[in-house]
PDB file of N, CA and C in Angstrom:
ATOM      1  N   UNK A   1       1.153 -13.311  17.180  1.00  0.00           N
ATOM      2  CA  UNK A   1       1.455 -13.461  15.767  1.00  0.00           C
ATOM      3  C   UNK A   1       1.684 -12.080  15.138  1.00  0.00           C
ATOM      4  N   UNK A   2       2.412 -12.058  14.094  1.00  0.00           N
ATOM      5  CA  UNK A   2       2.741 -10.825  13.388  1.00  0.00           C
ATOM      6  C   UNK A   2       1.693 -10.567  12.295  1.00  0.00           C
ATOM      7  N   UNK A   3       1.219  -9.304  12.210  1.00  0.00           N
ATOM      8  CA  UNK A   3       0.232  -8.951  11.202  1.00  0.00           C
ATOM      9  C   UNK A   3       0.598  -7.640  10.531  1.00  0.00           C
ATOM     10  N   UNK A   4       0.190  -7.515   9.265  1.00  0.00           N
ATOM     11  CA  UNK A   4       0.216  -6.282   8.518  1.00  0.00           C
ATOM     12  C   UNK A   4      -1.222  -5.769   8.450  1.00  0.00           C
ATOM     13  N   UNK A   5      -1.425  -4.507   8.668  1.00  0.00           N
ATOM     14  CA  UNK A   5      -2.719  -3.884   8.522  1.00  0.00           C
ATOM     15  C   UNK A   5      -2.587  -2.785   7.476  1.00  0.00           C
ATOM     16  N   UNK A   6      -3.329  -2.934   6.408  1.00  0.00           N
ATOM     17  CA  UNK A   6      -3.211  -2.031   5.258  1.00  0.00           C
ATOM     18  C   UNK A   6      -4.610  -1.547   4.916  1.00  0.00           C
ATOM     19  N   UNK A   7      -4.766  -0.268   4.661  1.00  0.00           N
ATOM     20  CA  UNK A   7      -6.108   0.243   4.399  1.00  0.00           C
ATOM     21  C   UNK A   7      -6.117   1.316   3.343  1.00  0.00           C
ATOM     22  N   UNK A   8      -7.305   1.514   2.767  1.00  0.00           N
ATOM     23  CA  UNK A   8      -7.572   2.597   1.824  1.00  0.00           C
ATOM     24  C   UNK A   8      -8.874   3.230   2.270  1.00  0.00           C
ATOM     25  N   UNK A   9      -8.784   4.382   2.872  1.00  0.00           N
ATOM     26  CA  UNK A   9      -9.940   5.084   3.433  1.00  0.00           C
ATOM     27  C   UNK A   9      -9.943   6.497   2.890  1.00  0.00           C
ATOM     28  N   UNK A  10     -11.039   6.872   2.280  1.00  0.00           N
ATOM     29  CA  UNK A  10     -11.084   8.164   1.570  1.00  0.00           C
ATOM     30  C   UNK A  10     -11.252   9.383   2.504  1.00  0.00           C
ATOM     31  N   UNK A  11     -11.970   9.221   3.572  1.00  0.00           N
ATOM     32  CA  UNK A  11     -12.257  10.366   4.454  1.00  0.00           C
ATOM     33  C   UNK A  11     -11.160  10.525   5.517  1.00  0.00           C
ATOM     34  N   UNK A  12     -10.607  11.738   5.593  1.00  0.00           N
ATOM     35  CA  UNK A  12      -9.504  12.003   6.513  1.00  0.00           C
ATOM     36  C   UNK A  12      -9.836  11.672   7.967  1.00  0.00           C
ATOM     37  N   UNK A  13     -11.018  12.058   8.406  1.00  0.00           N
ATOM     38  CA  UNK A  13     -11.398  11.854   9.798  1.00  0.00           C
ATOM     39  C   UNK A  13     -11.447  10.346  10.145  1.00  0.00           C
ATOM     40  N   UNK A  14     -12.030   9.540   9.276  1.00  0.00           N
ATOM     41  CA  UNK A  14     -12.077   8.088   9.508  1.00  0.00           C
ATOM     42  C   UNK A  14     -10.680   7.491   9.421  1.00  0.00           C
ATOM     43  N   UNK A  15      -9.906   7.934   8.442  1.00  0.00           N
ATOM     44  CA  UNK A  15      -8.549   7.411   8.285  1.00  0.00           C
ATOM     45  C   UNK A  15      -7.714   7.688   9.527  1.00  0.00           C
ATOM     46  N   UNK A  16      -7.855   8.885  10.092  1.00  0.00           N
ATOM     47  CA  UNK A  16      -7.122   9.244  11.313  1.00  0.00           C
ATOM     48  C   UNK A  16      -7.575   8.394  12.513  1.00  0.00           C
ATOM     49  N   UNK A  17      -8.891   8.124  12.563  1.00  0.00           N
ATOM     50  CA  UNK A  17      -9.405   7.275  13.667  1.00  0.00           C
ATOM     51  C   UNK A  17      -8.870   5.846  13.546  1.00  0.00           C
ATOM     52  N   UNK A  18      -8.835   5.310  12.335  1.00  0.00           N
ATOM     53  CA  UNK A  18      -8.306   3.963  12.115  1.00  0.00           C
ATOM     54  C   UNK A  18      -6.825   3.935  12.532  1.00  0.00           C
ATOM     55  N   UNK A  19      -6.067   4.937  12.129  1.00  0.00           N
ATOM     56  CA  UNK A  19      -4.641   4.984  12.507  1.00  0.00           C
ATOM     57  C   UNK A  19      -4.503   5.042  14.033  1.00  0.00           C
ATOM     58  N   UNK A  20      -5.334   5.827  14.682  1.00  0.00           N
ATOM     59  CA  UNK A  20      -5.286   5.930  16.151  1.00  0.00           C
ATOM     60  C   UNK A  20      -5.599   4.592  16.793  1.00  0.00           C
ATOM     61  N   UNK A  21      -6.575   3.881  16.269  1.00  0.00           N
ATOM     62  CA  UNK A  21      -6.926   2.553  16.796  1.00  0.00           C
ATOM     63  C   UNK A  21      -5.730   1.594  16.664  1.00  0.00           C
ATOM     64  N   UNK A  22      -5.115   1.606  15.497  1.00  0.00           N
ATOM     65  CA  UNK A  22      -3.956   0.727  15.267  1.00  0.00           C
ATOM     66  C   UNK A  22      -2.849   1.065  16.259  1.00  0.00           C
ATOM     67  N   UNK A  23      -2.555   2.331  16.450  1.00  0.00           N
ATOM     68  CA  UNK A  23      -1.528   2.733  17.394  1.00  0.00           C
ATOM     69  C   UNK A  23      -1.884   2.344  18.820  1.00  0.00           C
ATOM     70  N   UNK A  24      -3.160   2.470  19.181  1.00  0.00           N
ATOM     71  CA  UNK A  24      -3.599   2.087  20.525  1.00  0.00           C
ATOM     72  C   UNK A  24      -3.418   0.619  20.818  1.00  0.00           C
ATOM     73  N   UNK A  25      -3.404  -0.209  19.793  1.00  0.00           N
ATOM     74  CA  UNK A  25      -3.182  -1.639  19.969  1.00  0.00           C
ATOM     75  C   UNK A  25      -1.710  -2.018  19.807  1.00  0.00           C
ATOM     76  N   UNK A  26      -0.853  -1.030  19.758  1.00  0.00           N
ATOM     77  CA  UNK A  26       0.587  -1.288  19.713  1.00  0.00           C
ATOM     78  C   UNK A  26       1.163  -1.495  18.338  1.00  0.00           C
ATOM     79  N   UNK A  27       0.393  -1.198  17.308  1.00  0.00           N
ATOM     80  CA  UNK A  27       0.905  -1.339  15.934  1.00  0.00           C
ATOM     81  C   UNK A  27       1.814  -0.176  15.601  1.00  0.00           C
ATOM     82  N   UNK A  28       2.797  -0.432  14.775  1.00  0.00           N
ATOM     83  CA  UNK A  28       3.750   0.587  14.363  1.00  0.00           C
ATOM     84  C   UNK A  28       3.466   0.965  12.913  1.00  0.00           C
ATOM     85  N   UNK A  29       3.410   2.267  12.677  1.00  0.00           N
ATOM     86  CA  UNK A  29       3.177   2.759  11.307  1.00  0.00           C
ATOM     87  C   UNK A  29       4.391   2.456  10.434  1.00  0.00           C
ATOM     88  N   UNK A  30       4.124   1.853   9.297  1.00  0.00           N
ATOM     89  CA  UNK A  30       5.185   1.528   8.345  1.00  0.00           C
ATOM     90  C   UNK A  30       5.150   2.541   7.195  1.00  0.00           C
ATOM     91  N   UNK A  31       3.942   2.801   6.712  1.00  0.00           N
ATOM     92  CA  UNK A  31       3.731   3.844   5.713  1.00  0.00           C
ATOM     93  C   UNK A  31       2.430   4.550   6.113  1.00  0.00           C
ATOM     94  N   UNK A  32       2.012   5.521   5.310  1.00  0.00           N
ATOM     95  CA  UNK A  32       0.825   6.294   5.683  1.00  0.00           C
ATOM     96  C   UNK A  32      -0.417   5.439   5.908  1.00  0.00           C
ATOM     97  N   UNK A  33      -0.593   4.404   5.141  1.00  0.00           N
ATOM     98  CA  UNK A  33      -1.800   3.572   5.263  1.00  0.00           C
ATOM     99  C   UNK A  33      -1.449   2.121   5.558  1.00  0.00           C
ATOM    100  N   UNK A  34      -0.369   1.888   6.258  1.00  0.00           N
ATOM    101  CA  UNK A  34      -0.034   0.531   6.646  1.00  0.00           C
ATOM    102  C   UNK A  34       0.682   0.508   8.004  1.00  0.00           C
ATOM    103  N   UNK A  35       0.304  -0.504   8.762  1.00  0.00           N
ATOM    104  CA  UNK A  35       0.865  -0.734  10.091  1.00  0.00           C
ATOM    105  C   UNK A  35       1.323  -2.180  10.177  1.00  0.00           C
ATOM    106  N   UNK A  36       2.248  -2.437  11.091  1.00  0.00           N
ATOM    107  CA  UNK A  36       2.719  -3.772  11.387  1.00  0.00           C
ATOM    108  C   UNK A  36       2.683  -3.972  12.889  1.00  0.00           C
ATOM    109  N   UNK A  37       2.328  -5.174  13.309  1.00  0.00           N
ATOM    110  CA  UNK A  37       2.283  -5.400  14.749  1.00  0.00           C
ATOM    111  C   UNK A  37       2.344  -6.870  15.115  1.00  0.00           C
ATOM    112  N   UNK A  38       2.866  -7.088  16.295  1.00  0.00           N
ATOM    113  CA  UNK A  38       2.833  -8.390  16.947  1.00  0.00           C
ATOM    114  C   UNK A  38       1.678  -8.261  17.942  1.00  0.00           C
ATOM    115  N   UNK A  39       0.625  -9.068  17.764  1.00  0.00           N
ATOM    116  CA  UNK A  39      -0.580  -8.871  18.566  1.00  0.00           C
ATOM    117  C   UNK A  39      -1.253 -10.223  18.819  1.00  0.00           C
ATOM    118  N   UNK A  40      -1.913 -10.339  19.953  1.00  0.00           N
ATOM    119  CA  UNK A  40      -2.627 -11.581  20.256  1.00  0.00           C
ATOM    120  C   UNK A  40      -3.912 -11.661  19.437  1.00  0.00           C
ATOM    121  N   UNK A  41      -4.438 -12.857  19.346  1.00  0.00           N
ATOM    122  CA  UNK A  41      -5.698 -13.069  18.582  1.00  0.00           C
ATOM    123  C   UNK A  41      -6.838 -12.261  19.189  1.00  0.00           C
ATOM    124  N   UNK A  42      -6.948 -12.236  20.512  1.00  0.00           N
ATOM    125  CA  UNK A  42      -8.047 -11.493  21.157  1.00  0.00           C
ATOM    126  C   UNK A  42      -7.952  -9.983  20.883  1.00  0.00           C
ATOM    127  N   UNK A  43      -6.755  -9.432  21.020  1.00  0.00           N
ATOM    128  CA  UNK A  43      -6.589  -8.008  20.750  1.00  0.00           C
ATOM    129  C   UNK A  43      -6.826  -7.680  19.273  1.00  0.00           C
ATOM    130  N   UNK A  44      -6.430  -8.590  18.398  1.00  0.00           N
ATOM    131  CA  UNK A  44      -6.678  -8.377  16.976  1.00  0.00           C
ATOM    132  C   UNK A  44      -8.167  -8.359  16.688  1.00  0.00           C
ATOM    133  N   UNK A  45      -8.909  -9.233  17.326  1.00  0.00           N
ATOM    134  CA  UNK A  45     -10.356  -9.268  17.128  1.00  0.00           C
ATOM    135  C   UNK A  45     -10.984  -7.967  17.635  1.00  0.00           C
ATOM    136  N   UNK A  46     -10.516  -7.458  18.731  1.00  0.00           N
ATOM    137  CA  UNK A  46     -11.041  -6.184  19.262  1.00  0.00           C
ATOM    138  C   UNK A  46     -10.711  -5.034  18.311  1.00  0.00           C
ATOM    139  N   UNK A  47      -9.492  -5.009  17.784  1.00  0.00           N
ATOM    140  CA  UNK A  47      -9.105  -3.986  16.827  1.00  0.00           C
ATOM    141  C   UNK A  47     -10.019  -4.078  15.595  1.00  0.00           C
ATOM    142  N   UNK A  48     -10.250  -5.274  15.128  1.00  0.00           N
ATOM    143  CA  UNK A  48     -11.090  -5.493  13.959  1.00  0.00           C
ATOM    144  C   UNK A  48     -12.528  -4.984  14.186  1.00  0.00           C
ATOM    145  N   UNK A  49     -13.075  -5.247  15.365  1.00  0.00           N
ATOM    146  CA  UNK A  49     -14.421  -4.797  15.697  1.00  0.00           C
ATOM    147  C   UNK A  49     -14.501  -3.281  15.685  1.00  0.00           C
ATOM    148  N   UNK A  50     -13.519  -2.620  16.288  1.00  0.00           N
ATOM    149  CA  UNK A  50     -13.513  -1.143  16.321  1.00  0.00           C
ATOM    150  C   UNK A  50     -13.435  -0.565  14.913  1.00  0.00           C
ATOM    151  N   UNK A  51     -12.568  -1.138  14.087  1.00  0.00           N
ATOM    152  CA  UNK A  51     -12.404  -0.631  12.722  1.00  0.00           C
ATOM    153  C   UNK A  51     -13.649  -0.906  11.891  1.00  0.00           C
ATOM    154  N   UNK A  52     -14.238  -2.057  12.074  1.00  0.00           N
ATOM    155  CA  UNK A  52     -15.433  -2.423  11.286  1.00  0.00           C
ATOM    156  C   UNK A  52     -16.579  -1.442  11.540  1.00  0.00           C
ATOM    157  N   UNK A  53     -16.731  -0.997  12.784  1.00  0.00           N
ATOM    158  CA  UNK A  53     -17.792  -0.026  13.126  1.00  0.00           C
ATOM    159  C   UNK A  53     -17.612   1.254  12.312  1.00  0.00           C
ATOM    160  N   UNK A  54     -16.362   1.675  12.148  1.00  0.00           N
ATOM    161  CA  UNK A  54     -16.093   2.926  11.401  1.00  0.00           C
ATOM    162  C   UNK A  54     -16.284   2.761   9.895  1.00  0.00           C
ATOM    163  N   UNK A  55     -16.092   1.556   9.382  1.00  0.00           N
ATOM    164  CA  UNK A  55     -16.111   1.328   7.960  1.00  0.00           C
ATOM    165  C   UNK A  55     -17.449   0.848   7.412  1.00  0.00           C
ATOM    166  N   UNK A  56     -18.379   0.469   8.297  1.00  0.00           N
ATOM    167  CA  UNK A  56     -19.680  -0.035   7.839  1.00  0.00           C
ATOM    168  C   UNK A  56     -20.375   0.986   6.959  1.00  0.00           C
ATOM    169  N   UNK A  57     -20.920   0.520   5.843  1.00  0.00           N
ATOM    170  CA  UNK A  57     -21.673   1.389   4.938  1.00  0.00           C
ATOM    171  C   UNK A  57     -20.815   2.259   4.049  1.00  0.00           C
ATOM    172  N   UNK A  58     -19.502   1.989   3.981  1.00  0.00           N
ATOM    173  CA  UNK A  58     -18.622   2.760   3.109  1.00  0.00           C
ATOM    174  C   UNK A  58     -18.000   1.854   2.060  1.00  0.00           C
ATOM    175  N   UNK A  59     -17.333   2.477   1.102  1.00  0.00           N
ATOM    176  CA  UNK A  59     -16.563   1.699   0.105  1.00  0.00           C
ATOM    177  C   UNK A  59     -15.113   1.524   0.516  1.00  0.00           C
ATOM    178  N   UNK A  60     -14.774   1.992   1.699  1.00  0.00           N
ATOM    179  CA  UNK A  60     -13.414   1.878   2.202  1.00  0.00           C
ATOM    180  C   UNK A  60     -13.125   0.433   2.610  1.00  0.00           C
ATOM    181  N   UNK A  61     -11.846   0.128   2.722  1.00  0.00           N
ATOM    182  CA  UNK A  61     -11.493  -1.227   3.158  1.00  0.00           C
ATOM    183  C   UNK A  61     -10.223  -1.232   4.004  1.00  0.00           C
ATOM    184  N   UNK A  62     -10.084  -2.337   4.732  1.00  0.00           N
ATOM    185  CA  UNK A  62      -8.927  -2.570   5.594  1.00  0.00           C
ATOM    186  C   UNK A  62      -8.561  -4.030   5.486  1.00  0.00           C
ATOM    187  N   UNK A  63      -7.307  -4.325   5.182  1.00  0.00           N
ATOM    188  CA  UNK A  63      -6.826  -5.702   5.145  1.00  0.00           C
ATOM    189  C   UNK A  63      -6.032  -5.983   6.401  1.00  0.00           C
ATOM    190  N   UNK A  64      -6.240  -7.168   6.964  1.00  0.00           N
ATOM    191  CA  UNK A  64      -5.436  -7.648   8.095  1.00  0.00           C
ATOM    192  C   UNK A  64      -4.777  -8.924   7.587  1.00  0.00           C
ATOM    193  N   UNK A  65      -3.465  -8.850   7.397  1.00  0.00           N
ATOM    194  CA  UNK A  65      -2.733  -9.951   6.740  1.00  0.00           C
ATOM    195  C   UNK A  65      -1.746 -10.579   7.729  1.00  0.00           C
ATOM    196  N   UNK A  66      -1.940 -11.871   8.030  1.00  0.00           N
ATOM    197  CA  UNK A  66      -0.993 -12.526   8.944  1.00  0.00           C
ATOM    198  C   UNK A  66       0.312 -12.832   8.233  1.00  0.00           C
ATOM    199  N   UNK A  67       1.391 -12.851   8.998  1.00  0.00           N
ATOM    200  CA  UNK A  67       2.705 -13.206   8.475  1.00  0.00           C
ATOM    201  C   UNK A  67       3.333 -14.140   9.519  1.00  0.00           C
ATOM    202  N   UNK A  68       3.335 -15.431   9.219  1.00  0.00           N
ATOM    203  CA  UNK A  68       3.903 -16.408  10.164  1.00  0.00           C
ATOM    204  C   UNK A  68       5.411 -16.207  10.285  1.00  0.00           C
ATOM    205  N   UNK A  69       5.980 -16.735  11.336  1.00  0.00           N
ATOM    206  CA  UNK A  69       7.420 -16.548  11.589  1.00  0.00           C
ATOM    207  C   UNK A  69       8.267 -17.106  10.449  1.00  0.00           C
ATOM    208  N   UNK A  70       7.921 -18.291   9.945  1.00  0.00           N
ATOM    209  CA  UNK A  70       8.719 -18.853   8.875  1.00  0.00           C
ATOM    210  C   UNK A  70       8.597 -18.029   7.592  1.00  0.00           C
ATOM    211  N   UNK A  71       7.406 -17.449   7.381  1.00  0.00           N
ATOM    212  CA  UNK A  71       7.244 -16.581   6.214  1.00  0.00           C
ATOM    213  C   UNK A  71       8.070 -15.299   6.381  1.00  0.00           C
ATOM    214  N   UNK A  72       8.040 -14.728   7.585  1.00  0.00           N
ATOM    215  CA  UNK A  72       8.730 -13.476   7.835  1.00  0.00           C
ATOM    216  C   UNK A  72      10.238 -13.663   7.745  1.00  0.00           C
ATOM    217  N   UNK A  73      10.733 -14.868   8.033  1.00  0.00           N
ATOM    218  CA  UNK A  73      12.172 -15.134   7.939  1.00  0.00           C
ATOM    219  C   UNK A  73      12.664 -15.007   6.499  1.00  0.00           C
ATOM    220  N   UNK A  74      11.771 -15.152   5.529  1.00  0.00           N
ATOM    221  CA  UNK A  74      12.125 -15.051   4.118  1.00  0.00           C
ATOM    222  C   UNK A  74      11.952 -13.594   3.594  1.00  0.00           C
ATOM    223  N   UNK A  75      11.836 -12.639   4.495  1.00  0.00           N
ATOM    224  CA  UNK A  75      11.621 -11.265   4.078  1.00  0.00           C
ATOM    225  C   UNK A  75      12.770 -10.757   3.227  1.00  0.00           C
ATOM    226  N   UNK A  76      12.464  -9.775   2.449  1.00  0.00           N
ATOM    227  CA  UNK A  76      13.470  -9.081   1.628  1.00  0.00           C
ATOM    228  C   UNK A  76      13.395  -7.605   1.972  1.00  0.00           C
ATOM    229  N   UNK A  77      14.535  -6.984   2.093  1.00  0.00           N
ATOM    230  CA  UNK A  77      14.597  -5.559   2.378  1.00  0.00           C
ATOM    231  C   UNK A  77      15.298  -4.913   1.186  1.00  0.00           C
ATOM    232  N   UNK A  78      14.623  -4.010   0.513  1.00  0.00           N
ATOM    233  CA  UNK A  78      15.199  -3.348  -0.619  1.00  0.00           C
ATOM    234  C   UNK A  78      15.285  -1.852  -0.308  1.00  0.00           C
ATOM    235  N   UNK A  79      16.484  -1.339  -0.360  1.00  0.00           N
ATOM    236  CA  UNK A  79      16.708   0.063  -0.049  1.00  0.00           C
ATOM    237  C   UNK A  79      17.885   0.601  -0.802  1.00  0.00           C
ATOM    238  N   UNK A  80      17.873   1.851  -1.056  1.00  0.00           N
ATOM    239  CA  UNK A  80      18.990   2.465  -1.775  1.00  0.00           C
ATOM    240  C   UNK A  80      19.968   3.174  -0.856  1.00  0.00           C
ATOM    241  N   UNK A  81      19.667   3.188   0.460  1.00  0.00           N
ATOM    242  CA  UNK A  81      20.513   3.987   1.338  1.00  0.00           C
ATOM    243  C   UNK A  81      21.088   3.224   2.538  1.00  0.00           C
ATOM    244  N   UNK A  82      20.830   1.942   2.644  1.00  0.00           N
ATOM    245  CA  UNK A  82      21.396   1.169   3.771  1.00  0.00           C
ATOM    246  C   UNK A  82      22.013  -0.125   3.266  1.00  0.00           C
ATOM    247  N   UNK A  83      22.895  -0.682   4.044  1.00  0.00           N
ATOM    248  CA  UNK A  83      23.505  -1.967   3.717  1.00  0.00           C
ATOM    249  C   UNK A  83      22.505  -3.073   4.072  1.00  0.00           C
ATOM    250  N   UNK A  84      21.903  -3.705   3.047  1.00  0.00           N
ATOM    251  CA  UNK A  84      20.869  -4.696   3.293  1.00  0.00           C
ATOM    252  C   UNK A  84      21.376  -5.881   4.135  1.00  0.00           C
ATOM    253  N   UNK A  85      22.624  -6.283   3.913  1.00  0.00           N
ATOM    254  CA  UNK A  85      23.171  -7.431   4.653  1.00  0.00           C
ATOM    255  C   UNK A  85      23.172  -7.207   6.150  1.00  0.00           C
ATOM    256  N   UNK A  86      23.318  -5.936   6.541  1.00  0.00           N
ATOM    257  CA  UNK A  86      23.347  -5.539   7.963  1.00  0.00           C
ATOM    258  C   UNK A  86      22.011  -5.881   8.650  1.00  0.00           C
ATOM    259  N   UNK A  87      20.921  -5.944   7.898  1.00  0.00           N
ATOM    260  CA  UNK A  87      19.606  -6.124   8.476  1.00  0.00           C
ATOM    261  C   UNK A  87      19.053  -7.561   8.287  1.00  0.00           C
ATOM    262  N   UNK A  88      19.760  -8.425   7.614  1.00  0.00           N
ATOM    263  CA  UNK A  88      19.223  -9.762   7.256  1.00  0.00           C
ATOM    264  C   UNK A  88      18.803 -10.580   8.472  1.00  0.00           C
ATOM    265  N   UNK A  89      19.523 -10.496   9.576  1.00  0.00           N
ATOM    266  CA  UNK A  89      19.213 -11.343  10.739  1.00  0.00           C
ATOM    267  C   UNK A  89      18.207 -10.729  11.692  1.00  0.00           C
ATOM    268  N   UNK A  90      17.758  -9.538  11.443  1.00  0.00           N
ATOM    269  CA  UNK A  90      16.789  -8.910  12.330  1.00  0.00           C
ATOM    270  C   UNK A  90      15.390  -9.513  12.131  1.00  0.00           C
ATOM    271  N   UNK A  91      14.647  -9.635  13.209  1.00  0.00           N
ATOM    272  CA  UNK A  91      13.270 -10.116  13.141  1.00  0.00           C
ATOM    273  C   UNK A  91      12.339  -9.076  12.563  1.00  0.00           C
ATOM    274  N   UNK A  92      12.718  -7.805  12.763  1.00  0.00           N
ATOM    275  CA  UNK A  92      11.800  -6.723  12.447  1.00  0.00           C
ATOM    276  C   UNK A  92      12.610  -5.503  12.113  1.00  0.00           C
ATOM    277  N   UNK A  93      12.243  -4.786  11.068  1.00  0.00           N
ATOM    278  CA  UNK A  93      12.976  -3.576  10.745  1.00  0.00           C
ATOM    279  C   UNK A  93      12.034  -2.588  10.064  1.00  0.00           C
ATOM    280  N   UNK A  94      12.150  -1.335  10.445  1.00  0.00           N
ATOM    281  CA  UNK A  94      11.404  -0.245   9.804  1.00  0.00           C
ATOM    282  C   UNK A  94      12.438   0.695   9.206  1.00  0.00           C
ATOM    283  N   UNK A  95      12.184   1.069   7.976  1.00  0.00           N
ATOM    284  CA  UNK A  95      13.052   2.035   7.331  1.00  0.00           C
ATOM    285  C   UNK A  95      12.245   3.304   7.110  1.00  0.00           C
ATOM    286  N   UNK A  96      12.788   4.434   7.520  1.00  0.00           N
ATOM    287  CA  UNK A  96      12.058   5.673   7.272  1.00  0.00           C
ATOM    288  C   UNK A  96      11.931   6.539   8.498  1.00  0.00           C
ATOM    289  N   UNK A  97      10.871   7.337   8.503  1.00  0.00           N
ATOM    290  CA  UNK A  97      10.633   8.330   9.550  1.00  0.00           C
ATOM    291  C   UNK A  97      10.444   7.775  10.929  1.00  0.00           C
ATOM    292  N   UNK A  98      10.234   8.668  11.842  1.00  0.00           N
ATOM    293  CA  UNK A  98      10.161   8.292  13.266  1.00  0.00           C
ATOM    294  C   UNK A  98       8.731   8.266  13.782  1.00  0.00           C
ATOM    295  N   UNK A  99       7.722   8.215  12.927  1.00  0.00           N
ATOM    296  CA  UNK A  99       6.336   8.296  13.369  1.00  0.00           C
ATOM    297  C   UNK A  99       5.877   7.065  14.088  1.00  0.00           C
TER     298      UNK A  99
END
């Protein structure tokens, strides 16, 4: 299933560790504090356990938001520098840097 992982973490060291965990599970960075990934339920649970250990006792948070296929088909892409119609049929698109 497809998931968005979005977080707000104040401490740089923890934020970098969370980002590394997301990347280790195959998630792709979309913005500085958000990742997107196609991941199994078991791997997602493992990712969640690792992140929870780092966030316990803090005011920081991490959202894991599922996006079903039918929901994702209704996606909208808003950009000022690309032809949106060119991307309408794609299952997945990232706009921006190469990170």
